[in-house]
C-alpha atoms as a PDB file:
ATOM      1  CA  MET A   1       0.000   0.000   0.000  1.00  0.00           C
ATOM      2  CA  ASP A   2       0.965   3.644  -0.417  1.00  0.00           C
ATOM      3  CA  ILE A   3       1.610   5.050   3.051  1.00  0.00           C
ATOM      4  CA  VAL A   4       2.268   8.341   4.813  1.00  0.00           C
ATOM      5  CA  TYR A   5       4.108   7.550   8.043  1.00  0.00           C
ATOM      6  CA  MET A   6       3.924   9.889  11.045  1.00  0.00           C
ATOM      7  CA  GLY A   7       6.244   9.396  14.018  1.00  0.00           C
ATOM      8  CA  THR A   8       9.085  10.982  15.944  1.00  0.00           C
ATOM      9  CA  PRO A   9      10.971   9.058  18.710  1.00  0.00           C
ATOM     10  CA  ASP A  10      12.853   5.755  18.912  1.00  0.00           C
ATOM     11  CA  PHE A  11       9.626   3.832  19.499  1.00  0.00           C
ATOM     12  CA  ALA A  12       8.398   4.705  15.991  1.00  0.00           C
ATOM     13  CA  VAL A  13      11.564   3.627  14.167  1.00  0.00           C
ATOM     14  CA  GLY A  14      11.030  -0.133  14.369  1.00  0.00           C
ATOM     15  CA  ALA A  15       7.558   0.083  12.885  1.00  0.00           C
ATOM     16  CA  LEU A  16       8.786   2.283  10.047  1.00  0.00           C
ATOM     17  CA  LYS A  17      11.479  -0.291   9.249  1.00  0.00           C
ATOM     18  CA  SER A  18       8.963  -3.115   9.378  1.00  0.00           C
ATOM     19  CA  VAL A  19       6.539  -1.351   7.036  1.00  0.00           C
ATOM     20  CA  ILE A  20       9.317  -0.693   4.521  1.00  0.00           C
ATOM     21  CA  GLU A  21      10.676  -4.251   4.747  1.00  0.00           C
ATOM     22  CA  ALA A  22       7.159  -5.648   4.209  1.00  0.00           C
ATOM     23  CA  GLY A  23       7.166  -4.019   0.791  1.00  0.00           C
ATOM     24  CA  HIS A  24       4.838  -1.078   1.401  1.00  0.00           C
ATOM     25  CA  ASN A  25       5.552   2.189  -0.376  1.00  0.00           C
ATOM     26  CA  VAL A  26       6.208   4.895   2.212  1.00  0.00           C
ATOM     27  CA  LYS A  27       5.751   8.041   0.139  1.00  0.00           C
ATOM     28  CA  LEU A  28       6.269  10.580   2.905  1.00  0.00           C
ATOM     29  CA  VAL A  29       7.453  10.628   6.526  1.00  0.00           C
ATOM     30  CA  VAL A  30       5.974  13.336   8.735  1.00  0.00           C
ATOM     31  CA  THR A  31       7.820  14.126  11.944  1.00  0.00           C
ATOM     32  CA  GLN A  32       8.459  16.940  14.412  1.00  0.00           C
ATOM     33  CA  PRO A  33      10.734  19.876  13.504  1.00  0.00           C
ATOM     34  CA  ASP A  34      14.467  19.564  14.192  1.00  0.00           C
ATOM     35  CA  LYS A  35      15.700  20.691  17.604  1.00  0.00           C
ATOM     36  CA  VAL A  36      18.726  22.756  18.522  1.00  0.00           C
ATOM     37  CA  ARG A  37      20.706  21.185  21.362  1.00  0.00           C
ATOM     38  CA  GLY A  38      23.708  22.027  23.495  1.00  0.00           C
ATOM     39  CA  ARG A  39      25.904  25.082  23.776  1.00  0.00           C
ATOM     40  CA  GLY A  40      27.051  24.626  20.221  1.00  0.00           C
ATOM     41  CA  LYS A  41      23.454  25.030  19.004  1.00  0.00           C
ATOM     42  CA  GLU A  42      23.795  21.936  16.862  1.00  0.00           C
ATOM     43  CA  VAL A  43      20.728  20.834  14.935  1.00  0.00           C
ATOM     44  CA  SER A  44      19.531  17.397  16.067  1.00  0.00           C
ATOM     45  CA  TYR A  45      17.400  15.092  13.905  1.00  0.00           C
ATOM     46  CA  CYS A  46      14.806  12.893  15.575  1.00  0.00           C
ATOM     47  CA  PRO A  47      15.253   9.093  15.175  1.00  0.00           C
ATOM     48  CA  VAL A  48      12.422   8.740  12.639  1.00  0.00           C
ATOM     49  CA  LYS A  49      13.876  11.438  10.382  1.00  0.00           C
ATOM     50  CA  GLU A  50      17.262   9.701  10.453  1.00  0.00           C
ATOM     51  CA  GLU A  51      15.629   6.410   9.441  1.00  0.00           C
ATOM     52  CA  ALA A  52      13.653   8.067   6.643  1.00  0.00           C
ATOM     53  CA  ILE A  53      16.782   9.705   5.235  1.00  0.00           C
ATOM     54  CA  ALA A  54      18.593   6.360   5.345  1.00  0.00           C
ATOM     55  CA  HIS A  55      15.869   4.941   3.087  1.00  0.00           C
ATOM     56  CA  GLY A  56      15.713   7.956   0.788  1.00  0.00           C
ATOM     57  CA  ILE A  57      12.183   8.895   1.863  1.00  0.00           C
ATOM     58  CA  GLU A  58      10.967  12.487   1.706  1.00  0.00           C
ATOM     59  CA  VAL A  59      10.546  14.100   5.143  1.00  0.00           C
ATOM     60  CA  PHE A  60       7.955  16.743   6.071  1.00  0.00           C
ATOM     61  CA  GLN A  61       8.351  18.592   9.406  1.00  0.00           C
ATOM     62  CA  PRO A  62       5.428  20.945  10.061  1.00  0.00           C
ATOM     63  CA  VAL A  63       5.362  22.991  13.245  1.00  0.00           C
ATOM     64  CA  ARG A  64       1.582  22.579  13.357  1.00  0.00           C
ATOM     65  CA  ILE A  65       0.190  19.808  11.169  1.00  0.00           C
ATOM     66  CA  ARG A  66      -3.366  21.159  11.387  1.00  0.00           C
ATOM     67  CA  ASP A  67      -2.535  24.440   9.595  1.00  0.00           C
ATOM     68  CA  ALA A  68      -4.284  24.800   6.238  1.00  0.00           C
ATOM     69  CA  GLN A  69      -1.131  24.789   4.095  1.00  0.00           C
ATOM     70  CA  ASN A  70       0.085  21.616   5.802  1.00  0.00           C
ATOM     71  CA  VAL A  71      -3.232  19.872   5.287  1.00  0.00           C
ATOM     72  CA  GLU A  72      -3.052  20.769   1.601  1.00  0.00           C
ATOM     73  CA  ARG A  73       0.454  19.304   1.439  1.00  0.00           C
ATOM     74  CA  LEU A  74      -0.869  16.024   2.829  1.00  0.00           C
ATOM     75  CA  LYS A  75      -3.761  16.028   0.359  1.00  0.00           C
ATOM     76  CA  SER A  76      -1.258  16.291  -2.476  1.00  0.00           C
ATOM     77  CA  ILE A  77       0.244  12.910  -1.526  1.00  0.00           C
ATOM     78  CA  ALA A  78      -1.878  10.023  -2.787  1.00  0.00           C
ATOM     79  CA  ALA A  79      -1.892   7.520   0.075  1.00  0.00           C
ATOM     80  CA  ASP A  80      -4.062   4.545   1.011  1.00  0.00           C
ATOM     81  CA  VAL A  81      -3.475   4.932   4.754  1.00  0.00           C
ATOM     82  CA  TYR A  82      -1.591   7.024   7.296  1.00  0.00           C
ATOM     83  CA  VAL A  83       0.331   5.061   9.936  1.00  0.00           C
ATOM     84  CA  VAL A  84       0.921   7.023  13.151  1.00  0.00           C
ATOM     85  CA  ALA A  85       3.287   6.094  15.992  1.00  0.00           C
ATOM     86  CA  ALA A  86       4.128   8.584  18.755  1.00  0.00           C
ATOM     87  CA  PHE A  87       3.990  11.502  16.330  1.00  0.00           C
ATOM     88  CA  GLY A  88       3.423  14.147  19.003  1.00  0.00           C
ATOM     89  CA  GLN A  89       0.700  16.280  17.386  1.00  0.00           C
ATOM     90  CA  ILE A  90      -3.094  16.000  17.276  1.00  0.00           C
ATOM     91  CA  LEU A  91      -4.555  15.281  13.851  1.00  0.00           C
ATOM     92  CA  SER A  92      -7.671  17.185  12.785  1.00  0.00           C
ATOM     93  CA  GLN A  93     -10.735  15.395  11.453  1.00  0.00           C
ATOM     94  CA  GLU A  94      -9.884  16.834   8.035  1.00  0.00           C
ATOM     95  CA  ILE A  95      -6.556  14.992   8.116  1.00  0.00           C
ATOM     96  CA  LEU A  96      -8.107  11.788   9.458  1.00  0.00           C
ATOM     97  CA  ASP A  97     -10.442  11.741   6.464  1.00  0.00           C
ATOM     98  CA  ILE A  98      -7.788  12.159   3.752  1.00  0.00           C
ATOM     99  CA  PRO A  99      -6.560   8.585   3.107  1.00  0.00           C
ATOM    100  CA  ARG A 100      -8.817   5.819   1.805  1.00  0.00           C
ATOM    101  CA  TYR A 101      -8.397   3.653   4.902  1.00  0.00           C
ATOM    102  CA  GLY A 102      -8.089   6.559   7.314  1.00  0.00           C
ATOM    103  CA  CYS A 103      -5.345   6.937   9.909  1.00  0.00           C
ATOM    104  CA  ILE A 104      -4.260   4.049  12.103  1.00  0.00           C
ATOM    105  CA  ASN A 105      -2.247   4.375  15.288  1.00  0.00           C
ATOM    106  CA  ILE A 106       0.269   2.063  16.969  1.00  0.00           C
ATOM    107  CA  HIS A 107      -0.416   2.395  20.708  1.00  0.00           C
ATOM    108  CA  ALA A 108       1.741   0.712  23.348  1.00  0.00           C
ATOM    109  CA  SER A 109      -0.973  -0.638  25.639  1.00  0.00           C
ATOM    110  CA  LEU A 110      -4.009  -2.878  25.538  1.00  0.00           C
ATOM    111  CA  LEU A 111      -6.666  -0.251  24.954  1.00  0.00           C
ATOM    112  CA  PRO A 112      -8.938   0.941  26.427  1.00  0.00           C
ATOM    113  CA  LYS A 113      -6.493   0.736  29.388  1.00  0.00           C
ATOM    114  CA  TYR A 114      -3.675   3.250  29.491  1.00  0.00           C
ATOM    115  CA  ARG A 115      -4.790   5.817  26.988  1.00  0.00           C
ATOM    116  CA  GLY A 116      -2.532   8.842  26.751  1.00  0.00           C
ATOM    117  CA  ALA A 117       1.187   9.385  27.288  1.00  0.00           C
ATOM    118  CA  ALA A 118       3.773   6.982  28.765  1.00  0.00           C
ATOM    119  CA  PRO A 119       1.604   3.821  28.820  1.00  0.00           C
ATOM    120  CA  ILE A 120       4.717   1.623  28.797  1.00  0.00           C
ATOM    121  CA  GLN A 121       6.105   2.958  32.054  1.00  0.00           C
ATOM    122  CA  TRP A 122       2.736   3.260  33.789  1.00  0.00           C
ATOM    123  CA  CYS A 123       2.036  -0.445  33.288  1.00  0.00           C
ATOM    124  CA  ILE A 124       5.135  -1.217  35.364  1.00  0.00           C
ATOM    125  CA  LEU A 125       4.453   1.498  37.938  1.00  0.00           C
ATOM    126  CA  ASN A 126       0.996   0.061  38.522  1.00  0.00           C
ATOM    127  CA  GLY A 127       2.167  -3.544  38.739  1.00  0.00           C
ATOM    128  CA  GLU A 128       0.430  -4.882  35.617  1.00  0.00           C
ATOM    129  CA  LYS A 129       1.201  -8.479  34.616  1.00  0.00           C
ATOM    130  CA  GLU A 130       0.691  -7.952  30.881  1.00  0.00           C
ATOM    131  CA  THR A 131       0.536  -5.234  28.276  1.00  0.00           C
ATOM    132  CA  GLY A 132       0.776  -5.163  24.501  1.00  0.00           C
ATOM    133  CA  ILE A 133       0.215  -3.283  21.265  1.00  0.00           C
ATOM    134  CA  THR A 134      -3.085  -1.954  19.950  1.00  0.00           C
ATOM    135  CA  ILE A 135      -3.567  -0.975  16.316  1.00  0.00           C
ATOM    136  CA  MET A 136      -6.395   1.535  16.435  1.00  0.00           C
ATOM    137  CA  GLN A 137      -8.469   3.412  13.868  1.00  0.00           C
ATOM    138  CA  MET A 138      -7.914   7.026  14.832  1.00  0.00           C
ATOM    139  CA  ASP A 139     -10.820   9.357  15.545  1.00  0.00           C
ATOM    140  CA  LYS A 140     -11.087  12.845  17.076  1.00  0.00           C
ATOM    141  CA  GLY A 141     -10.588  11.548  20.633  1.00  0.00           C
ATOM    142  CA  VAL A 142      -7.327  10.655  22.378  1.00  0.00           C
ATOM    143  CA  ASP A 143      -6.809   6.913  21.856  1.00  0.00           C
ATOM    144  CA  THR A 144     -10.571   6.348  21.686  1.00  0.00           C
ATOM    145  CA  GLY A 145     -10.916   4.865  18.182  1.00  0.00           C
ATOM    146  CA  ASP A 146     -11.983   1.371  17.202  1.00  0.00           C
ATOM    147  CA  ILE A 147      -9.557  -1.478  17.882  1.00  0.00           C
ATOM    148  CA  LEU A 148      -8.321  -3.164  14.705  1.00  0.00           C
ATOM    149  CA  LEU A 149      -5.772  -5.591  16.141  1.00  0.00           C
ATOM    150  CA  GLN A 150      -4.126  -6.344  19.491  1.00  0.00           C
ATOM    151  CA  LYS A 151      -1.103  -8.407  20.510  1.00  0.00           C
ATOM    152  CA  LYS A 152      -0.385  -9.201  24.167  1.00  0.00           C
ATOM    153  CA  LEU A 153       2.959  -9.360  25.947  1.00  0.00           C
ATOM    154  CA  ASP A 154       3.732 -10.646  29.442  1.00  0.00           C
ATOM    155  CA  ILE A 155       5.595  -8.232  31.714  1.00  0.00           C
ATOM    156  CA  ASP A 156       8.661  -9.838  33.298  1.00  0.00           C
ATOM    157  CA  PRO A 157       8.871  -9.486  37.121  1.00  0.00           C
ATOM    158  CA  LYS A 158      12.128  -7.514  36.712  1.00  0.00           C
ATOM    159  CA  GLU A 159      11.041  -5.592  33.592  1.00  0.00           C
ATOM    160  CA  THR A 160      12.242  -2.003  33.344  1.00  0.00           C
ATOM    161  CA  GLY A 161      10.697   0.850  31.417  1.00  0.00           C
ATOM    162  CA  ALA A 162      13.636   0.679  29.009  1.00  0.00           C
ATOM    163  CA  SER A 163      13.442  -3.084  28.387  1.00  0.00           C
ATOM    164  CA  LEU A 164       9.665  -3.042  27.928  1.00  0.00           C
ATOM    165  CA  PHE A 165       9.987  -0.083  25.555  1.00  0.00           C
ATOM    166  CA  ASP A 166      12.337  -2.120  23.361  1.00  0.00           C
ATOM    167  CA  LYS A 167      10.083  -5.195  23.367  1.00  0.00           C
ATOM    168  CA  LEU A 168       6.979  -3.204  22.488  1.00  0.00           C
ATOM    169  CA  ALA A 169       8.780  -1.324  19.721  1.00  0.00           C
ATOM    170  CA  VAL A 170       9.532  -4.675  18.069  1.00  0.00           C
ATOM    171  CA  LEU A 171       6.004  -5.971  18.681  1.00  0.00           C
ATOM    172  CA  GLY A 172       4.578  -2.741  17.274  1.00  0.00           C
ATOM    173  CA  GLY A 173       6.439  -3.297  14.009  1.00  0.00           C
ATOM    174  CA  GLU A 174       5.192  -6.872  13.727  1.00  0.00           C
ATOM    175  CA  THR A 175       1.614  -5.947  14.561  1.00  0.00           C
ATOM    176  CA  ILE A 176       1.295  -2.994  12.178  1.00  0.00           C
ATOM    177  CA  VAL A 177       2.494  -5.137   9.256  1.00  0.00           C
ATOM    178  CA  GLU A 178      -0.091  -7.791  10.098  1.00  0.00           C
ATOM    179  CA  ALA A 179      -2.802  -5.145  10.422  1.00  0.00           C
ATOM    180  CA  LEU A 180      -1.955  -3.495   7.096  1.00  0.00           C
ATOM    181  CA  ASP A 181      -2.127  -6.858   5.339  1.00  0.00           C
ATOM    182  CA  ALA A 182      -5.544  -7.576   6.870  1.00  0.00           C
ATOM    183  CA  ILE A 183      -6.849  -4.097   6.010  1.00  0.00           C
ATOM    184  CA  GLU A 184      -5.772  -4.465   2.397  1.00  0.00           C
ATOM    185  CA  LYS A 185      -7.510  -7.863   2.176  1.00  0.00           C
ATOM    186  CA  GLY A 186     -10.675  -6.608   3.890  1.00  0.00           C
ATOM    187  CA  LYS A 187     -10.229  -8.997   6.794  1.00  0.00           C
ATOM    188  CA  ILE A 188     -10.330  -6.473   9.654  1.00  0.00           C
ATOM    189  CA  THR A 189     -13.412  -6.095  11.848  1.00  0.00           C
ATOM    190  CA  PRO A 190     -13.205  -2.913  13.953  1.00  0.00           C
ATOM    191  CA  VAL A 191     -14.200  -3.331  17.615  1.00  0.00           C
ATOM    192  CA  LYS A 192     -15.536  -0.463  19.717  1.00  0.00           C
ATOM    193  CA  GLN A 193     -13.623   0.254  22.903  1.00  0.00           C
ATOM    194  CA  ASP A 194     -15.377  -0.485  26.200  1.00  0.00           C
ATOM    195  CA  GLU A 195     -15.516   2.953  27.811  1.00  0.00           C
ATOM    196  CA  SER A 196     -16.278   1.424  31.227  1.00  0.00           C
ATOM    197  CA  LYS A 197     -12.750  -0.073  31.236  1.00  0.00           C
ATOM    198  CA  ALA A 198     -10.928   2.999  29.966  1.00  0.00           C
ATOM    199  CA  THR A 199      -8.047   4.498  31.938  1.00  0.00           C
ATOM    200  CA  HIS A 200      -5.884   7.500  31.082  1.00  0.00           C
ATOM    201  CA  VAL A 201      -2.292   8.247  32.067  1.00  0.00           C
ATOM    202  CA  GLY A 202      -0.261  11.418  31.784  1.00  0.00           C
ATOM    203  CA  MET A 203       3.342  12.215  30.930  1.00  0.00           C
ATOM    204  CA  LEU A 204       6.233  11.349  33.193  1.00  0.00           C
ATOM    205  CA  SER A 205       7.995  14.104  35.112  1.00  0.00           C
ATOM    206  CA  LYS A 206      11.372  14.256  36.840  1.00  0.00           C
ATOM    207  CA  ASP A 207       9.699  14.842  40.205  1.00  0.00           C
ATOM    208  CA  MET A 208       8.069  11.411  39.971  1.00  0.00           C
ATOM    209  CA  GLY A 209      11.497   9.863  40.440  1.00  0.00           C
ATOM    210  CA  ARG A 210      12.091  11.208  43.945  1.00  0.00           C
ATOM    211  CA  ILE A 211      11.677   8.290  46.338  1.00  0.00           C
ATOM    212  CA  VAL A 212       9.059   8.680  49.054  1.00  0.00           C
ATOM    213  CA  TRP A 213      10.431   6.355  51.713  1.00  0.00           C
ATOM    214  CA  SER A 214       7.106   6.173  53.545  1.00  0.00           C
ATOM    215  CA  ASP A 215       5.706   4.287  50.522  1.00  0.00           C
ATOM    216  CA  ALA A 216       5.772   0.491  50.583  1.00  0.00           C
ATOM    217  CA  ALA A 217       8.957  -1.201  49.362  1.00  0.00           C
ATOM    218  CA  ASP A 218       7.171  -3.026  46.536  1.00  0.00           C
ATOM    219  CA  LYS A 219       5.823   0.266  45.172  1.00  0.00           C
ATOM    220  CA  ILE A 220       9.260   1.910  45.320  1.00  0.00           C
ATOM    221  CA  GLU A 221      10.807  -1.107  43.577  1.00  0.00           C
ATOM    222  CA  ARG A 222       8.258  -0.809  40.749  1.00  0.00           C
ATOM    223  CA  TYR A 223       9.172   2.854  40.358  1.00  0.00           C
ATOM    224  CA  VAL A 224      12.874   1.962  40.241  1.00  0.00           C
ATOM    225  CA  ARG A 225      12.113  -0.353  37.314  1.00  0.00           C
ATOM    226  CA  GLY A 226       9.392   1.679  35.617  1.00  0.00           C
ATOM    227  CA  LEU A 227      11.330   4.953  35.588  1.00  0.00           C
ATOM    228  CA  ASN A 228      14.505   3.326  34.271  1.00  0.00           C
ATOM    229  CA  SER A 229      15.982   4.831  32.113  1.00  0.00           C
ATOM    230  CA  TRP A 230      14.173   8.179  32.503  1.00  0.00           C
ATOM    231  CA  PRO A 231      13.652  10.052  34.757  1.00  0.00           C
ATOM    232  CA  CYS A 232      15.169   7.411  37.088  1.00  0.00           C
ATOM    233  CA  THR A 233      14.392   7.161  40.795  1.00  0.00           C
ATOM    234  CA  TYR A 234      16.574   9.107  43.198  1.00  0.00           C
ATOM    235  CA  THR A 235      17.094  10.115  46.802  1.00  0.00           C
ATOM    236  CA  TYR A 236      19.738  12.145  48.650  1.00  0.00           C
ATOM    237  CA  THR A 237      22.689  11.326  50.876  1.00  0.00           C
ATOM    238  CA  GLY A 238      25.009  13.897  52.403  1.00  0.00           C
ATOM    239  CA  GLY A 239      23.290  16.595  50.370  1.00  0.00           C
ATOM    240  CA  LYS A 240      24.082  14.856  47.086  1.00  0.00           C
ATOM    241  CA  LEU A 241      21.632  13.282  44.646  1.00  0.00           C
ATOM    242  CA  LEU A 242      21.765   9.480  44.581  1.00  0.00           C
ATOM    243  CA  LYS A 243      20.162   7.647  41.647  1.00  0.00           C
ATOM    244  CA  ILE A 244      18.821   4.146  42.276  1.00  0.00           C
ATOM    245  CA  TRP A 245      19.116   1.935  39.188  1.00  0.00           C
ATOM    246  CA  GLU A 246      18.263  -1.503  40.536  1.00  0.00           C
ATOM    247  CA  ALA A 247      16.622  -2.767  43.709  1.00  0.00           C
ATOM    248  CA  ASP A 248      14.910  -5.726  45.355  1.00  0.00           C
ATOM    249  CA  THR A 249      12.534  -5.965  48.298  1.00  0.00           C
ATOM    250  CA  ASP A 250      12.894  -7.765  51.618  1.00  0.00           C
ATOM    251  CA  SER A 251      11.109  -7.942  54.944  1.00  0.00           C
ATOM    252  CA  CYS A 252      12.276  -5.938  57.946  1.00  0.00           C
ATOM    253  CA  ASP A 253      11.131  -5.105  61.463  1.00  0.00           C
ATOM    254  CA  GLU A 254       8.108  -2.843  61.623  1.00  0.00           C
ATOM    255  CA  GLY A 255       8.556   0.556  63.239  1.00  0.00           C
ATOM    256  CA  GLU A 256      11.858   1.466  61.588  1.00  0.00           C
ATOM    257  CA  ALA A 257      11.955   5.063  60.344  1.00  0.00           C
ATOM    258  CA  PRO A 258      11.378   5.204  56.570  1.00  0.00           C
ATOM    259  CA  GLY A 259      14.636   6.039  54.799  1.00  0.00           C
ATOM    260  CA  ARG A 260      16.872   4.652  57.571  1.00  0.00           C
ATOM    261  CA  VAL A 261      19.726   2.449  56.414  1.00  0.00           C
ATOM    262  CA  LEU A 262      19.492  -0.869  58.257  1.00  0.00           C
ATOM    263  CA  ARG A 263      22.372  -2.711  56.667  1.00  0.00           C
ATOM    264  CA  ALA A 264      25.028  -1.985  54.060  1.00  0.00           C
ATOM    265  CA  ASP A 265      27.315  -4.697  52.673  1.00  0.00           C
ATOM    266  CA  LYS A 266      28.212  -6.467  49.452  1.00  0.00           C
ATOM    267  CA  THR A 267      24.689  -7.916  49.161  1.00  0.00           C
ATOM    268  CA  GLY A 268      23.124  -4.444  49.005  1.00  0.00           C
ATOM    269  CA  ILE A 269      22.046  -1.394  50.964  1.00  0.00           C
ATOM    270  CA  TYR A 270      18.937  -2.220  53.003  1.00  0.00           C
ATOM    271  CA  VAL A 271      16.646   0.753  53.626  1.00  0.00           C
ATOM    272  CA  ALA A 272      13.458   0.825  55.709  1.00  0.00           C
ATOM    273  CA  THR A 273      10.279   1.957  53.969  1.00  0.00           C
ATOM    274  CA  GLY A 274       6.654   2.408  54.982  1.00  0.00           C
ATOM    275  CA  LYS A 275       6.234  -1.352  54.574  1.00  0.00           C
ATOM    276  CA  GLY A 276       9.141  -3.714  54.117  1.00  0.00           C
ATOM    277  CA  CYS A 277      12.698  -3.019  53.097  1.00  0.00           C
ATOM    278  CA  LEU A 278      14.184  -1.795  49.826  1.00  0.00           C
ATOM    279  CA  VAL A 279      17.480  -3.464  48.937  1.00  0.00           C
ATOM    280  CA  ILE A 280      19.532  -1.177  46.691  1.00  0.00           C
ATOM    281  CA  LYS A 281      21.620  -3.205  44.252  1.00  0.00           C
ATOM    282  CA  SER A 282      22.888  -0.590  41.797  1.00  0.00           C
ATOM    283  CA  LEU A 283      23.230   3.159  42.315  1.00  0.00           C
ATOM    284  CA  GLN A 284      24.952   6.306  41.104  1.00  0.00           C
ATOM    285  CA  LEU A 285      26.117   9.235  43.189  1.00  0.00           C
ATOM    286  CA  GLU A 286      25.865  12.707  41.697  1.00  0.00           C
ATOM    287  CA  GLY A 287      28.805  13.290  39.340  1.00  0.00           C
ATOM    288  CA  LYS A 288      29.964   9.667  39.512  1.00  0.00           C
ATOM    289  CA  LYS A 289      29.439   6.542  37.422  1.00  0.00           C
ATOM    290  CA  ARG A 290      26.846   3.860  38.049  1.00  0.00           C
ATOM    291  CA  MET A 291      28.088   1.105  40.385  1.00  0.00           C
ATOM    292  CA  GLU A 292      26.958  -2.075  42.080  1.00  0.00           C
ATOM    293  CA  SER A 293      26.276  -1.487  45.772  1.00  0.00           C
ATOM    294  CA  GLY A 294      29.197  -3.641  46.970  1.00  0.00           C
ATOM    295  CA  ALA A 295      31.688  -1.723  44.825  1.00  0.00           C
ATOM    296  CA  PHE A 296      30.107   1.593  45.814  1.00  0.00           C
ATOM    297  CA  LEU A 297      30.613   0.900  49.520  1.00  0.00           C
ATOM    298  CA  LEU A 298      34.332   0.371  49.006  1.00  0.00           C
ATOM    299  CA  GLY A 299      34.742   4.059  48.224  1.00  0.00           C
ATOM    300  CA  TYR A 300      31.752   5.795  49.798  1.00  0.00           C
ATOM    301  CA  SER A 301      30.308   5.742  53.285  1.00  0.00           C
ATOM    302  CA  ILE A 302      26.697   4.709  53.756  1.00  0.00           C
ATOM    303  CA  LYS A 303      26.235   2.922  57.052  1.00  0.00           C
ATOM    304  CA  PRO A 304      23.453   1.613  59.301  1.00  0.00           C
ATOM    305  CA  GLY A 305      21.617   4.479  60.976  1.00  0.00           C
ATOM    306  CA  ASP A 306      22.084   6.916  58.085  1.00  0.00           C
ATOM    307  CA  ILE A 307      18.893   8.507  56.744  1.00  0.00           C
ATOM    308  CA  LEU A 308      18.403   8.796  53.005  1.00  0.00           C
ATOM    309  CA  GLY A 309      16.267  11.509  51.490  1.00  0.00           C
END
């Protein structure tokens, strides 16, 4: 099929590759404008633009896709379907109506659960056992369109936001190719979303990473995994920021002050929480490299009785 592909970050690259490798004709890639980064004011291309250039595909980077001149540009490209993956702009109904098969979205959750931003990380934060990819017919709502195809994926007990992101990016590529084939053959039956089961999640923020030691250890451990690799969970020791990259949970005596270090040795740094104990396995002090807890303790002092946070 002739396709216009809309996407911006790493997550959208795998699906673009898969669509191209499946033999579809990607006539145009639409992505966000370039950004200027660093003191040198160097122009930085987003991952999807880099992939499009590598395949010799024309790239269109509107500041506001809904503007009249940009809509006319899209209308000038004869396409059967628009494939959208983490594009970052809202499409108007006028745009949704342009291609023959409409616009279809690759969403990284099992809709109607986890509509909105950061569904990958929120599944881990909330302790879900499974997630997946939904291919959805886009409408004027936010992730409210009919479900065309879903693929499930079990969440590993030690899954991180980064590892689940990678798995779902691959699954998204596989699923969109299957969906496009079924659409072209007329073998897709759209299914309305059950609004009674809908949930919505917002964007992640850096403040979410600050550990609240009065929370239960299992919740903190989920945040350590879910917010890896960004924004990462953190606390403070000696006035310096301390990132926590990996942790386990353990039992400990009730009544210990949350944030108090109970034990610190080569097996980990054991910290009391509101319920249970967090065992820090990998950490990174401000301005230093990431280290395993045993190696960290050889050069830095964290001892029983210290209070983190």
